[in-house]
Amino acid sequence: MFLEQIEAKLKAAFDPVYLEVMNESDQHNVPAGAESHFKVVMASERFSGERILARHRAIYSVLSEELAGPVHALALHAYTLDEWSNLHNSVPVSPPCRGTKLIV
């Protein structure tokens, strides 16, 4: 539910060339089926000439309603088109959460 909502808002605001929103709640110590921890990987022309902090602030502004309520954590990877191309269109791997339940 929130994943689709986040995607729709980001598409409308940034017209990204690449957008991936991932629910990473299962990697955290949250109830099964939770939608509270997300990762956003986005490449947009809109980020050209903007520093990373300005990109993140713009995304936080668009998602302010979600961040004020159900979304607990949001990992952001916001790239210009050149930066995304230099990364060879690869999605960064999220580090493990300190609160993760480890299964051995």
C-alpha atoms as a PDB file:
ATOM      1  CA  MET A   1       0.000   0.000   0.000  1.00  0.00           C
ATOM      2  CA  PHE A   2       2.593   2.602   1.050  1.00  0.00           C
ATOM      3  CA  LEU A   3       5.087   1.402  -1.558  1.00  0.00           C
ATOM      4  CA  GLU A   4       2.711   2.234  -4.408  1.00  0.00           C
ATOM      5  CA  GLN A   5       1.809   5.553  -2.779  1.00  0.00           C
ATOM      6  CA  ILE A   6       5.479   6.512  -2.449  1.00  0.00           C
ATOM      7  CA  GLU A   7       6.174   5.500  -6.063  1.00  0.00           C
ATOM      8  CA  ALA A   8       3.245   7.527  -7.398  1.00  0.00           C
ATOM      9  CA  LYS A   9       4.245  10.676  -5.515  1.00  0.00           C
ATOM     10  CA  LEU A  10       7.889  10.438  -6.571  1.00  0.00           C
ATOM     11  CA  LYS A  11       6.994   9.822 -10.228  1.00  0.00           C
ATOM     12  CA  ALA A  12       4.690  12.831 -10.260  1.00  0.00           C
ATOM     13  CA  ALA A  13       7.196  15.137  -8.564  1.00  0.00           C
ATOM     14  CA  PHE A  14      10.475  14.119 -10.200  1.00  0.00           C
ATOM     15  CA  ASP A  15       9.654  12.418 -13.533  1.00  0.00           C
ATOM     16  CA  PRO A  16      12.496   9.951 -12.911  1.00  0.00           C
ATOM     17  CA  VAL A  17      14.342   8.059 -15.608  1.00  0.00           C
ATOM     18  CA  TYR A  18      14.813   5.302 -13.038  1.00  0.00           C
ATOM     19  CA  LEU A  19      12.815   4.705  -9.870  1.00  0.00           C
ATOM     20  CA  GLU A  20      12.819   1.743  -7.545  1.00  0.00           C
ATOM     21  CA  VAL A  21      11.090   1.765  -4.181  1.00  0.00           C
ATOM     22  CA  MET A  22      11.775  -1.260  -1.999  1.00  0.00           C
ATOM     23  CA  ASN A  23      10.062  -2.287   1.206  1.00  0.00           C
ATOM     24  CA  GLU A  24      12.956  -3.309   3.450  1.00  0.00           C
ATOM     25  CA  SER A  25      10.846  -3.782   6.572  1.00  0.00           C
ATOM     26  CA  ASP A  26      11.601  -7.510   6.613  1.00  0.00           C
ATOM     27  CA  GLN A  27      15.271  -6.645   7.237  1.00  0.00           C
ATOM     28  CA  HIS A  28      14.356  -4.884  10.475  1.00  0.00           C
ATOM     29  CA  ASN A  29      12.923  -5.868  13.821  1.00  0.00           C
ATOM     30  CA  VAL A  30       9.304  -5.078  12.946  1.00  0.00           C
ATOM     31  CA  PRO A  31       6.089  -7.136  12.881  1.00  0.00           C
ATOM     32  CA  ALA A  32       5.567  -9.428   9.896  1.00  0.00           C
ATOM     33  CA  GLY A  33       3.940  -7.627   6.986  1.00  0.00           C
ATOM     34  CA  ALA A  34       5.009  -4.190   8.238  1.00  0.00           C
ATOM     35  CA  GLU A  35       5.497  -1.382   5.751  1.00  0.00           C
ATOM     36  CA  SER A  36       7.714   0.995   7.678  1.00  0.00           C
ATOM     37  CA  HIS A  37      11.249   0.840   6.223  1.00  0.00           C
ATOM     38  CA  PHE A  38      11.815   1.752   2.569  1.00  0.00           C
ATOM     39  CA  LYS A  39      14.694   2.330   0.178  1.00  0.00           C
ATOM     40  CA  VAL A  40      14.342   4.710  -2.754  1.00  0.00           C
ATOM     41  CA  VAL A  41      16.736   4.620  -5.690  1.00  0.00           C
ATOM     42  CA  MET A  42      15.988   7.352  -8.193  1.00  0.00           C
ATOM     43  CA  ALA A  43      17.689   9.016 -11.142  1.00  0.00           C
ATOM     44  CA  SER A  44      16.161  12.251 -12.354  1.00  0.00           C
ATOM     45  CA  GLU A  45      17.145  15.198 -14.499  1.00  0.00           C
ATOM     46  CA  ARG A  46      15.634  17.334 -11.739  1.00  0.00           C
ATOM     47  CA  PHE A  47      18.653  16.587  -9.536  1.00  0.00           C
ATOM     48  CA  SER A  48      21.134  18.165 -11.980  1.00  0.00           C
ATOM     49  CA  GLY A  49      23.057  20.920 -10.243  1.00  0.00           C
ATOM     50  CA  GLU A  50      21.640  20.027  -6.810  1.00  0.00           C
ATOM     51  CA  ARG A  51      23.715  18.794  -3.898  1.00  0.00           C
ATOM     52  CA  ILE A  52      22.728  15.545  -2.226  1.00  0.00           C
ATOM     53  CA  LEU A  53      21.219  17.345   0.770  1.00  0.00           C
ATOM     54  CA  ALA A  54      18.933  19.412  -1.483  1.00  0.00           C
ATOM     55  CA  ARG A  55      17.842  16.241  -3.306  1.00  0.00           C
ATOM     56  CA  HIS A  56      16.988  14.533  -0.031  1.00  0.00           C
ATOM     57  CA  ARG A  57      15.104  17.579   1.245  1.00  0.00           C
ATOM     58  CA  ALA A  58      13.051  17.654  -1.950  1.00  0.00           C
ATOM     59  CA  ILE A  59      12.156  13.983  -1.549  1.00  0.00           C
ATOM     60  CA  TYR A  60      11.332  14.422   2.152  1.00  0.00           C
ATOM     61  CA  SER A  61       9.075  17.326   1.240  1.00  0.00           C
ATOM     62  CA  VAL A  62       7.135  15.227  -1.287  1.00  0.00           C
ATOM     63  CA  LEU A  63       6.807  12.363   1.215  1.00  0.00           C
ATOM     64  CA  SER A  64       6.161  14.484   4.320  1.00  0.00           C
ATOM     65  CA  GLU A  65       2.775  12.880   4.975  1.00  0.00           C
ATOM     66  CA  GLU A  66       4.195   9.348   4.920  1.00  0.00           C
ATOM     67  CA  LEU A  67       7.199  10.332   7.046  1.00  0.00           C
ATOM     68  CA  ALA A  68       4.939  11.953   9.638  1.00  0.00           C
ATOM     69  CA  GLY A  69       3.069   8.709  10.145  1.00  0.00           C
ATOM     70  CA  PRO A  70       3.557   5.158   8.957  1.00  0.00           C
ATOM     71  CA  VAL A  71       7.035   5.323   7.393  1.00  0.00           C
ATOM     72  CA  HIS A  72       9.721   4.954  10.039  1.00  0.00           C
ATOM     73  CA  ALA A  73      12.839   4.879   7.852  1.00  0.00           C
ATOM     74  CA  LEU A  74      13.678   5.975   4.341  1.00  0.00           C
ATOM     75  CA  ALA A  75      17.044   5.213   2.725  1.00  0.00           C
ATOM     76  CA  LEU A  76      17.607   7.583  -0.190  1.00  0.00           C
ATOM     77  CA  HIS A  77      19.843   7.185  -3.220  1.00  0.00           C
ATOM     78  CA  ALA A  78      19.095  10.151  -5.495  1.00  0.00           C
ATOM     79  CA  TYR A  79      21.213  10.539  -8.636  1.00  0.00           C
ATOM     80  CA  THR A  80      21.585  12.800 -11.613  1.00  0.00           C
ATOM     81  CA  LEU A  81      21.442  11.005 -14.958  1.00  0.00           C
ATOM     82  CA  ASP A  82      25.238  11.175 -15.308  1.00  0.00           C
ATOM     83  CA  GLU A  83      25.791   9.790 -11.802  1.00  0.00           C
ATOM     84  CA  TRP A  84      23.358   6.955 -12.477  1.00  0.00           C
ATOM     85  CA  SER A  85      25.058   6.146 -15.755  1.00  0.00           C
ATOM     86  CA  ASN A  86      28.470   6.105 -14.042  1.00  0.00           C
ATOM     87  CA  LEU A  87      27.098   3.606 -11.524  1.00  0.00           C
ATOM     88  CA  HIS A  88      26.184   1.391 -14.473  1.00  0.00           C
ATOM     89  CA  ASN A  89      22.562   1.496 -13.347  1.00  0.00           C
ATOM     90  CA  SER A  90      23.261  -0.628 -10.272  1.00  0.00           C
ATOM     91  CA  VAL A  91      21.192  -0.417  -7.098  1.00  0.00           C
ATOM     92  CA  PRO A  92      23.247  -0.048  -3.892  1.00  0.00           C
ATOM     93  CA  VAL A  93      22.884  -2.804  -1.312  1.00  0.00           C
ATOM     94  CA  SER A  94      21.497  -1.770   2.073  1.00  0.00           C
ATOM     95  CA  PRO A  95      23.607  -2.546   5.140  1.00  0.00           C
ATOM     96  CA  PRO A  96      22.125  -4.845   7.769  1.00  0.00           C
ATOM     97  CA  CYS A  97      20.044  -3.183  10.447  1.00  0.00           C
ATOM     98  CA  ARG A  98      21.308  -3.373  14.025  1.00  0.00           C
ATOM     99  CA  GLY A  99      17.820  -4.400  15.113  1.00  0.00           C
ATOM    100  CA  THR A 100      17.535  -7.235  12.604  1.00  0.00           C
ATOM    101  CA  LYS A 101      16.565 -10.658  13.837  1.00  0.00           C
ATOM    102  CA  LEU A 102      19.330 -12.941  12.626  1.00  0.00           C
ATOM    103  CA  ILE A 103      18.389 -16.412  11.482  1.00  0.00           C
ATOM    104  CA  VAL A 104      21.267 -18.875  11.735  1.00  0.00           C
END
